[in-house]
């Protein structure tokens, strides 16, 4: 998927900011998860989000600024296989 600023801004705006919001969102699941969900938390605490990019189009200041705006971490995966 290529970077689309408005698409990601819309998605990031929907993300929950704490465990209560995450539970409220998760309760909207469909019947495929009936009896296989865990929708409880003993505390209300902040939740963090992270994004791992896989397309060159995300290597842009606009994407980094969007991550900063929504306080979302960037995943830097090490895919080195040790054979070099």
PDB file of N, CA and C in Angstrom:
ATOM      1  N   UNK A   1       0.846  -1.180   0.000  1.00  0.00           N
ATOM      2  CA  UNK A   1       0.000   0.000   0.000  1.00  0.00           C
ATOM      3  C   UNK A   1       0.887   1.238   0.000  1.00  0.00           C
ATOM      4  N   UNK A   2       0.590   2.168  -0.861  1.00  0.00           N
ATOM      5  CA  UNK A   2       1.319   3.428  -0.913  1.00  0.00           C
ATOM      6  C   UNK A   2       0.769   4.402   0.117  1.00  0.00           C
ATOM      7  N   UNK A   3       1.617   5.308   0.546  1.00  0.00           N
ATOM      8  CA  UNK A   3       1.224   6.319   1.520  1.00  0.00           C
ATOM      9  C   UNK A   3       0.194   7.264   0.920  1.00  0.00           C
ATOM     10  N   UNK A   4      -0.896   7.424   1.637  1.00  0.00           N
ATOM     11  CA  UNK A   4      -1.954   8.361   1.282  1.00  0.00           C
ATOM     12  C   UNK A   4      -2.253   9.138   2.564  1.00  0.00           C
ATOM     13  N   UNK A   5      -1.832  10.378   2.615  1.00  0.00           N
ATOM     14  CA  UNK A   5      -1.919  11.169   3.841  1.00  0.00           C
ATOM     15  C   UNK A   5      -3.332  11.237   4.413  1.00  0.00           C
ATOM     16  N   UNK A   6      -4.310  11.516   3.599  1.00  0.00           N
ATOM     17  CA  UNK A   6      -5.682  11.648   4.118  1.00  0.00           C
ATOM     18  C   UNK A   6      -6.234  10.310   4.606  1.00  0.00           C
ATOM     19  N   UNK A   7      -5.894   9.254   3.914  1.00  0.00           N
ATOM     20  CA  UNK A   7      -6.350   7.926   4.342  1.00  0.00           C
ATOM     21  C   UNK A   7      -5.783   7.581   5.720  1.00  0.00           C
ATOM     22  N   UNK A   8      -4.489   7.838   5.917  1.00  0.00           N
ATOM     23  CA  UNK A   8      -3.875   7.537   7.202  1.00  0.00           C
ATOM     24  C   UNK A   8      -4.334   8.503   8.288  1.00  0.00           C
ATOM     25  N   UNK A   9      -4.529   9.758   7.949  1.00  0.00           N
ATOM     26  CA  UNK A   9      -5.043  10.711   8.940  1.00  0.00           C
ATOM     27  C   UNK A   9      -6.419  10.257   9.441  1.00  0.00           C
ATOM     28  N   UNK A  10      -7.271   9.829   8.544  1.00  0.00           N
ATOM     29  CA  UNK A  10      -8.605   9.342   8.931  1.00  0.00           C
ATOM     30  C   UNK A  10      -8.504   8.110   9.819  1.00  0.00           C
ATOM     31  N   UNK A  11      -7.601   7.191   9.445  1.00  0.00           N
ATOM     32  CA  UNK A  11      -7.414   5.980  10.241  1.00  0.00           C
ATOM     33  C   UNK A  11      -6.852   6.304  11.624  1.00  0.00           C
ATOM     34  N   UNK A  12      -5.811   7.125  11.687  1.00  0.00           N
ATOM     35  CA  UNK A  12      -5.197   7.471  12.969  1.00  0.00           C
ATOM     36  C   UNK A  12      -6.193   8.154  13.900  1.00  0.00           C
ATOM     37  N   UNK A  13      -7.087   8.950  13.356  1.00  0.00           N
ATOM     38  CA  UNK A  13      -8.084   9.653  14.170  1.00  0.00           C
ATOM     39  C   UNK A  13      -9.057   8.690  14.843  1.00  0.00           C
ATOM     40  N   UNK A  14      -9.204   7.491  14.289  1.00  0.00           N
ATOM     41  CA  UNK A  14     -10.123   6.494  14.861  1.00  0.00           C
ATOM     42  C   UNK A  14      -9.502   5.654  15.973  1.00  0.00           C
ATOM     43  N   UNK A  15      -8.199   5.689  16.114  1.00  0.00           N
ATOM     44  CA  UNK A  15      -7.521   4.822  17.074  1.00  0.00           C
ATOM     45  C   UNK A  15      -7.852   5.202  18.519  1.00  0.00           C
ATOM     46  N   UNK A  16      -8.044   4.207  19.387  1.00  0.00           N
ATOM     47  CA  UNK A  16      -8.322   4.493  20.796  1.00  0.00           C
ATOM     48  C   UNK A  16      -7.072   5.015  21.500  1.00  0.00           C
ATOM     49  N   UNK A  17      -7.274   5.851  22.518  1.00  0.00           N
ATOM     50  CA  UNK A  17      -6.161   6.436  23.258  1.00  0.00           C
ATOM     51  C   UNK A  17      -5.954   5.811  24.631  1.00  0.00           C
ATOM     52  N   UNK A  18      -6.913   5.022  25.090  1.00  0.00           N
ATOM     53  CA  UNK A  18      -6.750   4.369  26.389  1.00  0.00           C
ATOM     54  C   UNK A  18      -7.476   3.023  26.377  1.00  0.00           C
ATOM     55  N   UNK A  19      -7.290   2.258  27.437  1.00  0.00           N
ATOM     56  CA  UNK A  19      -7.862   0.904  27.478  1.00  0.00           C
ATOM     57  C   UNK A  19      -9.392   0.927  27.440  1.00  0.00           C
ATOM     58  N   UNK A  20     -10.019   1.918  28.019  1.00  0.00           N
ATOM     59  CA  UNK A  20     -11.489   2.004  27.993  1.00  0.00           C
ATOM     60  C   UNK A  20     -11.969   2.186  26.562  1.00  0.00           C
ATOM     61  N   UNK A  21     -11.347   3.084  25.820  1.00  0.00           N
ATOM     62  CA  UNK A  21     -11.725   3.303  24.424  1.00  0.00           C
ATOM     63  C   UNK A  21     -11.452   2.058  23.578  1.00  0.00           C
ATOM     64  N   UNK A  22     -10.369   1.367  23.874  1.00  0.00           N
ATOM     65  CA  UNK A  22     -10.041   0.139  23.135  1.00  0.00           C
ATOM     66  C   UNK A  22     -11.094  -0.934  23.377  1.00  0.00           C
ATOM     67  N   UNK A  23     -11.538  -1.060  24.615  1.00  0.00           N
ATOM     68  CA  UNK A  23     -12.582  -2.034  24.942  1.00  0.00           C
ATOM     69  C   UNK A  23     -13.888  -1.663  24.251  1.00  0.00           C
ATOM     70  N   UNK A  24     -14.244  -0.391  24.290  1.00  0.00           N
ATOM     71  CA  UNK A  24     -15.472   0.057  23.622  1.00  0.00           C
ATOM     72  C   UNK A  24     -15.434  -0.264  22.124  1.00  0.00           C
ATOM     73  N   UNK A  25     -14.293  -0.048  21.506  1.00  0.00           N
ATOM     74  CA  UNK A  25     -14.137  -0.350  20.084  1.00  0.00           C
ATOM     75  C   UNK A  25     -14.216  -1.860  19.842  1.00  0.00           C
ATOM     76  N   UNK A  26     -13.537  -2.621  20.656  1.00  0.00           N
ATOM     77  CA  UNK A  26     -13.504  -4.083  20.478  1.00  0.00           C
ATOM     78  C   UNK A  26     -14.878  -4.722  20.676  1.00  0.00           C
ATOM     79  N   UNK A  27     -15.723  -4.122  21.479  1.00  0.00           N
ATOM     80  CA  UNK A  27     -17.058  -4.682  21.724  1.00  0.00           C
ATOM     81  C   UNK A  27     -17.940  -4.645  20.481  1.00  0.00           C
ATOM     82  N   UNK A  28     -17.497  -3.953  19.466  1.00  0.00           N
ATOM     83  CA  UNK A  28     -18.269  -3.884  18.220  1.00  0.00           C
ATOM     84  C   UNK A  28     -17.916  -5.020  17.259  1.00  0.00           C
ATOM     85  N   UNK A  29     -17.153  -5.998  17.738  1.00  0.00           N
ATOM     86  CA  UNK A  29     -16.765  -7.107  16.857  1.00  0.00           C
ATOM     87  C   UNK A  29     -17.987  -7.910  16.434  1.00  0.00           C
ATOM     88  N   UNK A  30     -17.818  -8.703  15.396  1.00  0.00           N
ATOM     89  CA  UNK A  30     -18.945  -9.509  14.924  1.00  0.00           C
ATOM     90  C   UNK A  30     -18.952 -10.877  15.603  1.00  0.00           C
ATOM     91  N   UNK A  31     -19.886 -11.718  15.200  1.00  0.00           N
ATOM     92  CA  UNK A  31     -20.113 -13.002  15.866  1.00  0.00           C
ATOM     93  C   UNK A  31     -18.960 -13.993  15.719  1.00  0.00           C
ATOM     94  N   UNK A  32     -18.042 -13.747  14.801  1.00  0.00           N
ATOM     95  CA  UNK A  32     -16.919 -14.681  14.627  1.00  0.00           C
ATOM     96  C   UNK A  32     -16.035 -14.750  15.864  1.00  0.00           C
ATOM     97  N   UNK A  33     -16.093 -13.745  16.717  1.00  0.00           N
ATOM     98  CA  UNK A  33     -15.276 -13.749  17.932  1.00  0.00           C
ATOM     99  C   UNK A  33     -16.060 -14.080  19.191  1.00  0.00           C
ATOM    100  N   UNK A  34     -17.318 -14.403  19.063  1.00  0.00           N
ATOM    101  CA  UNK A  34     -18.109 -14.737  20.243  1.00  0.00           C
ATOM    102  C   UNK A  34     -17.427 -15.832  21.045  1.00  0.00           C
ATOM    103  N   UNK A  35     -17.358 -15.626  22.351  1.00  0.00           N
ATOM    104  CA  UNK A  35     -16.751 -16.557  23.308  1.00  0.00           C
ATOM    105  C   UNK A  35     -15.246 -16.713  23.116  1.00  0.00           C
ATOM    106  N   UNK A  36     -14.623 -15.878  22.297  1.00  0.00           N
ATOM    107  CA  UNK A  36     -13.167 -15.939  22.131  1.00  0.00           C
ATOM    108  C   UNK A  36     -12.541 -14.560  22.338  1.00  0.00           C
ATOM    109  N   UNK A  37     -13.245 -13.666  22.993  1.00  0.00           N
ATOM    110  CA  UNK A  37     -12.718 -12.333  23.210  1.00  0.00           C
ATOM    111  C   UNK A  37     -12.395 -12.106  24.684  1.00  0.00           C
ATOM    112  N   UNK A  38     -11.527 -11.157  24.931  1.00  0.00           N
ATOM    113  CA  UNK A  38     -11.203 -10.745  26.300  1.00  0.00           C
ATOM    114  C   UNK A  38     -11.335  -9.241  26.321  1.00  0.00           C
ATOM    115  N   UNK A  39     -12.445  -8.770  26.873  1.00  0.00           N
ATOM    116  CA  UNK A  39     -12.763  -7.351  26.818  1.00  0.00           C
ATOM    117  C   UNK A  39     -12.854  -6.751  28.209  1.00  0.00           C
ATOM    118  N   UNK A  40     -11.816  -6.984  28.994  1.00  0.00           N
ATOM    119  CA  UNK A  40     -11.776  -6.442  30.343  1.00  0.00           C
ATOM    120  C   UNK A  40     -10.393  -5.870  30.615  1.00  0.00           C
ATOM    121  N   UNK A  41     -10.358  -4.878  31.485  1.00  0.00           N
ATOM    122  CA  UNK A  41      -9.089  -4.320  31.948  1.00  0.00           C
ATOM    123  C   UNK A  41      -9.286  -3.867  33.376  1.00  0.00           C
ATOM    124  N   UNK A  42      -8.333  -4.190  34.224  1.00  0.00           N
ATOM    125  CA  UNK A  42      -8.424  -3.794  35.630  1.00  0.00           C
ATOM    126  C   UNK A  42      -8.168  -2.301  35.828  1.00  0.00           C
ATOM    127  N   UNK A  43      -7.487  -1.701  34.874  1.00  0.00           N
ATOM    128  CA  UNK A  43      -7.146  -0.279  34.978  1.00  0.00           C
ATOM    129  C   UNK A  43      -7.415   0.412  33.655  1.00  0.00           C
ATOM    130  N   UNK A  44      -7.652   1.697  33.747  1.00  0.00           N
ATOM    131  CA  UNK A  44      -7.715   2.502  32.522  1.00  0.00           C
ATOM    132  C   UNK A  44      -6.359   3.167  32.375  1.00  0.00           C
ATOM    133  N   UNK A  45      -5.686   2.835  31.297  1.00  0.00           N
ATOM    134  CA  UNK A  45      -4.368   3.403  31.068  1.00  0.00           C
ATOM    135  C   UNK A  45      -4.194   3.720  29.592  1.00  0.00           C
ATOM    136  N   UNK A  46      -3.226   4.551  29.275  1.00  0.00           N
ATOM    137  CA  UNK A  46      -3.010   4.907  27.867  1.00  0.00           C
ATOM    138  C   UNK A  46      -2.564   3.690  27.055  1.00  0.00           C
ATOM    139  N   UNK A  47      -2.892   3.710  25.781  1.00  0.00           N
ATOM    140  CA  UNK A  47      -2.379   2.701  24.850  1.00  0.00           C
ATOM    141  C   UNK A  47      -1.573   3.436  23.788  1.00  0.00           C
ATOM    142  N   UNK A  48      -0.546   2.767  23.299  1.00  0.00           N
ATOM    143  CA  UNK A  48       0.299   3.336  22.260  1.00  0.00           C
ATOM    144  C   UNK A  48       0.113   2.538  20.980  1.00  0.00           C
ATOM    145  N   UNK A  49       0.364   3.176  19.873  1.00  0.00           N
ATOM    146  CA  UNK A  49       0.249   2.532  18.574  1.00  0.00           C
ATOM    147  C   UNK A  49       1.572   2.669  17.841  1.00  0.00           C
ATOM    148  N   UNK A  50       1.817   1.724  16.947  1.00  0.00           N
ATOM    149  CA  UNK A  50       3.034   1.744  16.138  1.00  0.00           C
ATOM    150  C   UNK A  50       2.694   1.268  14.732  1.00  0.00           C
ATOM    151  N   UNK A  51       3.449   1.766  13.747  1.00  0.00           N
ATOM    152  CA  UNK A  51       3.240   1.417  12.352  1.00  0.00           C
ATOM    153  C   UNK A  51       4.561   0.923  11.776  1.00  0.00           C
ATOM    154  N   UNK A  52       4.511  -0.209  11.087  1.00  0.00           N
ATOM    155  CA  UNK A  52       5.673  -0.694  10.355  1.00  0.00           C
ATOM    156  C   UNK A  52       5.427  -0.431   8.877  1.00  0.00           C
ATOM    157  N   UNK A  53       6.321   0.308   8.256  1.00  0.00           N
ATOM    158  CA  UNK A  53       6.141   0.636   6.845  1.00  0.00           C
ATOM    159  C   UNK A  53       6.807  -0.413   5.962  1.00  0.00           C
ATOM    160  N   UNK A  54       6.232  -0.595   4.778  1.00  0.00           N
ATOM    161  CA  UNK A  54       6.778  -1.570   3.845  1.00  0.00           C
ATOM    162  C   UNK A  54       6.785  -1.060   2.413  1.00  0.00           C
ATOM    163  N   UNK A  55       6.617   0.232   2.248  1.00  0.00           N
ATOM    164  CA  UNK A  55       6.632   0.800   0.909  1.00  0.00           C
ATOM    165  C   UNK A  55       7.434   2.099   0.950  1.00  0.00           C
ATOM    166  N   UNK A  56       8.230   2.309  -0.065  1.00  0.00           N
ATOM    167  CA  UNK A  56       9.107   3.480  -0.143  1.00  0.00           C
ATOM    168  C   UNK A  56       8.358   4.804  -0.037  1.00  0.00           C
ATOM    169  N   UNK A  57       7.098   4.837  -0.431  1.00  0.00           N
ATOM    170  CA  UNK A  57       6.338   6.089  -0.421  1.00  0.00           C
ATOM    171  C   UNK A  57       6.148   6.645   0.992  1.00  0.00           C
ATOM    172  N   UNK A  58       6.357   5.809   2.014  1.00  0.00           N
ATOM    173  CA  UNK A  58       6.209   6.270   3.395  1.00  0.00           C
ATOM    174  C   UNK A  58       7.453   7.020   3.886  1.00  0.00           C
ATOM    175  N   UNK A  59       8.514   6.950   3.123  1.00  0.00           N
ATOM    176  CA  UNK A  59       9.746   7.649   3.498  1.00  0.00           C
ATOM    177  C   UNK A  59       9.630   9.106   3.099  1.00  0.00           C
ATOM    178  N   UNK A  60       8.770   9.811   3.833  1.00  0.00           N
ATOM    179  CA  UNK A  60       8.532  11.213   3.513  1.00  0.00           C
ATOM    180  C   UNK A  60       8.338  12.006   4.802  1.00  0.00           C
ATOM    181  N   UNK A  61       8.739  13.259   4.801  1.00  0.00           N
ATOM    182  CA  UNK A  61       8.514  14.118   5.966  1.00  0.00           C
ATOM    183  C   UNK A  61       7.036  14.212   6.329  1.00  0.00           C
ATOM    184  N   UNK A  62       6.169  14.162   5.338  1.00  0.00           N
ATOM    185  CA  UNK A  62       4.723  14.268   5.609  1.00  0.00           C
ATOM    186  C   UNK A  62       4.248  13.099   6.471  1.00  0.00           C
ATOM    187  N   UNK A  63       4.728  11.892   6.182  1.00  0.00           N
ATOM    188  CA  UNK A  63       4.338  10.732   6.980  1.00  0.00           C
ATOM    189  C   UNK A  63       4.899  10.840   8.399  1.00  0.00           C
ATOM    190  N   UNK A  64       6.155  11.226   8.523  1.00  0.00           N
ATOM    191  CA  UNK A  64       6.772  11.372   9.846  1.00  0.00           C
ATOM    192  C   UNK A  64       6.039  12.434  10.659  1.00  0.00           C
ATOM    193  N   UNK A  65       5.668  13.530  10.032  1.00  0.00           N
ATOM    194  CA  UNK A  65       4.910  14.571  10.737  1.00  0.00           C
ATOM    195  C   UNK A  65       3.549  14.062  11.192  1.00  0.00           C
ATOM    196  N   UNK A  66       2.920  13.229  10.383  1.00  0.00           N
ATOM    197  CA  UNK A  66       1.632  12.644  10.745  1.00  0.00           C
ATOM    198  C   UNK A  66       1.788  11.725  11.958  1.00  0.00           C
ATOM    199  N   UNK A  67       2.849  10.923  11.965  1.00  0.00           N
ATOM    200  CA  UNK A  67       3.118  10.072  13.129  1.00  0.00           C
ATOM    201  C   UNK A  67       3.312  10.914  14.383  1.00  0.00           C
ATOM    202  N   UNK A  68       4.048  11.972  14.264  1.00  0.00           N
ATOM    203  CA  UNK A  68       4.287  12.852  15.419  1.00  0.00           C
ATOM    204  C   UNK A  68       2.988  13.495  15.895  1.00  0.00           C
ATOM    205  N   UNK A  69       2.176  13.935  14.949  1.00  0.00           N
ATOM    206  CA  UNK A  69       0.908  14.581  15.299  1.00  0.00           C
ATOM    207  C   UNK A  69       0.015  13.660  16.121  1.00  0.00           C
ATOM    208  N   UNK A  70      -0.018  12.373  15.751  1.00  0.00           N
ATOM    209  CA  UNK A  70      -0.884  11.414  16.444  1.00  0.00           C
ATOM    210  C   UNK A  70      -0.136  10.590  17.490  1.00  0.00           C
ATOM    211  N   UNK A  71       1.137  10.916  17.722  1.00  0.00           N
ATOM    212  CA  UNK A  71       1.969  10.230  18.731  1.00  0.00           C
ATOM    213  C   UNK A  71       2.005   8.725  18.481  1.00  0.00           C
ATOM    214  N   UNK A  72       2.282   8.367  17.238  1.00  0.00           N
ATOM    215  CA  UNK A  72       2.359   6.973  16.821  1.00  0.00           C
ATOM    216  C   UNK A  72       3.816   6.652  16.516  1.00  0.00           C
ATOM    217  N   UNK A  73       4.273   5.513  17.023  1.00  0.00           N
ATOM    218  CA  UNK A  73       5.665   5.104  16.837  1.00  0.00           C
ATOM    219  C   UNK A  73       5.875   4.503  15.453  1.00  0.00           C
ATOM    220  N   UNK A  74       7.097   4.622  14.968  1.00  0.00           N
ATOM    221  CA  UNK A  74       7.501   4.003  13.717  1.00  0.00           C
ATOM    222  C   UNK A  74       8.325   2.764  14.045  1.00  0.00           C
ATOM    223  N   UNK A  75       7.920   1.627  13.515  1.00  0.00           N
ATOM    224  CA  UNK A  75       8.640   0.375  13.736  1.00  0.00           C
ATOM    225  C   UNK A  75       9.798   0.305  12.752  1.00  0.00           C
ATOM    226  N   UNK A  76      10.981   0.051  13.277  1.00  0.00           N
ATOM    227  CA  UNK A  76      12.168  -0.140  12.441  1.00  0.00           C
ATOM    228  C   UNK A  76      12.572  -1.605  12.568  1.00  0.00           C
ATOM    229  N   UNK A  77      12.150  -2.409  11.622  1.00  0.00           N
ATOM    230  CA  UNK A  77      12.416  -3.852  11.671  1.00  0.00           C
ATOM    231  C   UNK A  77      13.799  -4.147  11.115  1.00  0.00           C
ATOM    232  N   UNK A  78      14.488  -5.037  11.779  1.00  0.00           N
ATOM    233  CA  UNK A  78      15.805  -5.484  11.319  1.00  0.00           C
ATOM    234  C   UNK A  78      15.599  -6.794  10.569  1.00  0.00           C
ATOM    235  N   UNK A  79      15.729  -6.737   9.265  1.00  0.00           N
ATOM    236  CA  UNK A  79      15.491  -7.937   8.460  1.00  0.00           C
ATOM    237  C   UNK A  79      16.790  -8.567   7.990  1.00  0.00           C
ATOM    238  N   UNK A  80      17.899  -8.153   8.562  1.00  0.00           N
ATOM    239  CA  UNK A  80      19.189  -8.729   8.197  1.00  0.00           C
ATOM    240  C   UNK A  80      19.188 -10.205   8.542  1.00  0.00           C
ATOM    241  N   UNK A  81      19.619 -11.039   7.610  1.00  0.00           N
ATOM    242  CA  UNK A  81      19.567 -12.478   7.835  1.00  0.00           C
ATOM    243  C   UNK A  81      20.891 -13.075   8.298  1.00  0.00           C
ATOM    244  N   UNK A  82      21.901 -12.253   8.490  1.00  0.00           N
ATOM    245  CA  UNK A  82      23.168 -12.737   9.018  1.00  0.00           C
ATOM    246  C   UNK A  82      24.065 -13.402   7.985  1.00  0.00           C
ATOM    247  N   UNK A  83      23.693 -13.393   6.736  1.00  0.00           N
ATOM    248  CA  UNK A  83      24.486 -14.077   5.697  1.00  0.00           C
ATOM    249  C   UNK A  83      25.393 -13.141   4.913  1.00  0.00           C
ATOM    250  N   UNK A  84      25.343 -11.863   5.191  1.00  0.00           N
ATOM    251  CA  UNK A  84      26.154 -10.905   4.436  1.00  0.00           C
ATOM    252  C   UNK A  84      27.593 -10.896   4.917  1.00  0.00           C
TER     253      UNK A  84
END
